[in-house]
């Protein structure tokens, strides 16, 4: 298997958000509705922070670490695109 792209990562996240939405909402998830995806993703992030805190860890540190990882992955993808040109 080749290294995942950020598009792959986004697709995995959309699957997770859709699954979360199915567990917590009474209406069907519309993956083409930007507002619905944003709301459900925000709810999932909030609940993940509660989970992390419940394990005695810093939810804010996890968000910081995730943000740094996101920025690294975006930079890597941009670098890969520049090497192709």
Protein backbone atom coordinates (compact mmCIF):
# COMPACT_ATOMS: atom_id res chain seq x y z
CA UNK A 1 0.00 0.00 0.00
CA UNK A 2 1.33 3.44 -0.88
CA UNK A 3 1.48 6.27 1.62
CA UNK A 4 -1.92 7.84 2.22
CA UNK A 5 -2.65 11.25 0.74
CA UNK A 6 -4.42 14.05 2.53
CA UNK A 7 -7.41 13.22 0.33
CA UNK A 8 -7.33 9.69 1.78
CA UNK A 9 -7.16 11.11 5.29
CA UNK A 10 -10.09 13.43 4.58
CA UNK A 11 -12.13 10.49 3.24
CA UNK A 12 -11.41 8.49 6.41
CA UNK A 13 -12.47 11.48 8.50
CA UNK A 14 -15.70 11.82 6.53
CA UNK A 15 -16.44 8.15 7.22
CA UNK A 16 -15.83 8.73 10.95
CA UNK A 17 -18.01 11.86 10.97
CA UNK A 18 -20.79 10.02 9.14
CA UNK A 19 -20.63 7.14 11.61
CA UNK A 20 -20.67 9.55 14.56
CA UNK A 21 -23.62 11.40 13.03
CA UNK A 22 -25.48 8.10 12.66
CA UNK A 23 -24.98 7.38 16.35
CA UNK A 24 -26.00 10.81 17.60
CA UNK A 25 -28.63 12.18 15.19
CA UNK A 26 -32.10 11.07 14.20
CA UNK A 27 -31.87 12.13 10.54
CA UNK A 28 -29.73 10.94 7.64
CA UNK A 29 -26.24 12.35 7.18
CA UNK A 30 -25.68 14.40 4.02
CA UNK A 31 -21.96 14.30 3.19
CA UNK A 32 -22.55 16.96 0.52
CA UNK A 33 -23.83 19.54 3.02
CA UNK A 34 -20.86 21.64 4.14
CA UNK A 35 -22.76 22.95 7.15
CA UNK A 36 -23.80 19.50 8.28
CA UNK A 37 -20.28 18.10 7.91
CA UNK A 38 -18.83 21.06 9.81
CA UNK A 39 -21.36 20.74 12.64
CA UNK A 40 -20.94 16.97 13.00
CA UNK A 41 -17.13 17.23 12.79
CA UNK A 42 -17.14 19.90 15.50
CA UNK A 43 -19.33 17.74 17.72
CA UNK A 44 -17.01 14.77 17.15
CA UNK A 45 -13.92 16.85 17.97
CA UNK A 46 -15.59 18.06 21.16
CA UNK A 47 -16.47 14.51 22.19
CA UNK A 48 -12.95 13.32 21.41
CA UNK A 49 -11.68 16.03 23.74
CA UNK A 50 -14.01 14.72 26.49
CA UNK A 51 -12.64 11.22 25.83
CA UNK A 52 -9.03 12.38 26.08
CA UNK A 53 -9.75 14.31 29.28
CA UNK A 54 -11.50 11.23 30.68
CA UNK A 55 -8.23 9.35 30.25
CA UNK A 56 -6.50 12.00 32.34
CA UNK A 57 -4.72 13.58 29.39
CA UNK A 58 -4.74 17.15 28.11
CA UNK A 59 -7.35 17.65 25.42
CA UNK A 60 -5.79 20.99 24.49
CA UNK A 61 -2.38 19.34 24.06
CA UNK A 62 -3.98 16.75 21.78
CA UNK A 63 -5.50 19.54 19.67
CA UNK A 64 -2.11 21.28 19.52
CA UNK A 65 -0.39 18.03 18.50
CA UNK A 66 -3.05 17.32 15.88
CA UNK A 67 -2.72 20.84 14.48
CA UNK A 68 1.05 20.42 14.16
CA UNK A 69 0.56 17.06 12.42
CA UNK A 70 -2.00 18.59 10.05
CA UNK A 71 0.40 21.40 9.12
CA UNK A 72 3.23 18.92 8.55
CA UNK A 73 1.06 16.76 6.29
CA UNK A 74 -0.10 19.78 4.27
CA UNK A 75 3.51 20.97 3.90
CA UNK A 76 4.62 17.49 2.77
CA UNK A 77 1.88 17.36 0.16
CA UNK A 78 2.83 20.83 -1.14
CA UNK A 79 6.48 19.79 -1.31
CA UNK A 80 5.55 16.64 -3.25
CA UNK A 81 3.54 18.75 -5.71
CA UNK A 82 6.46 21.14 -6.21
CA UNK A 83 8.80 18.20 -6.93
CA UNK A 84 6.45 16.98 -9.68
CA UNK A 85 6.52 20.36 -11.42
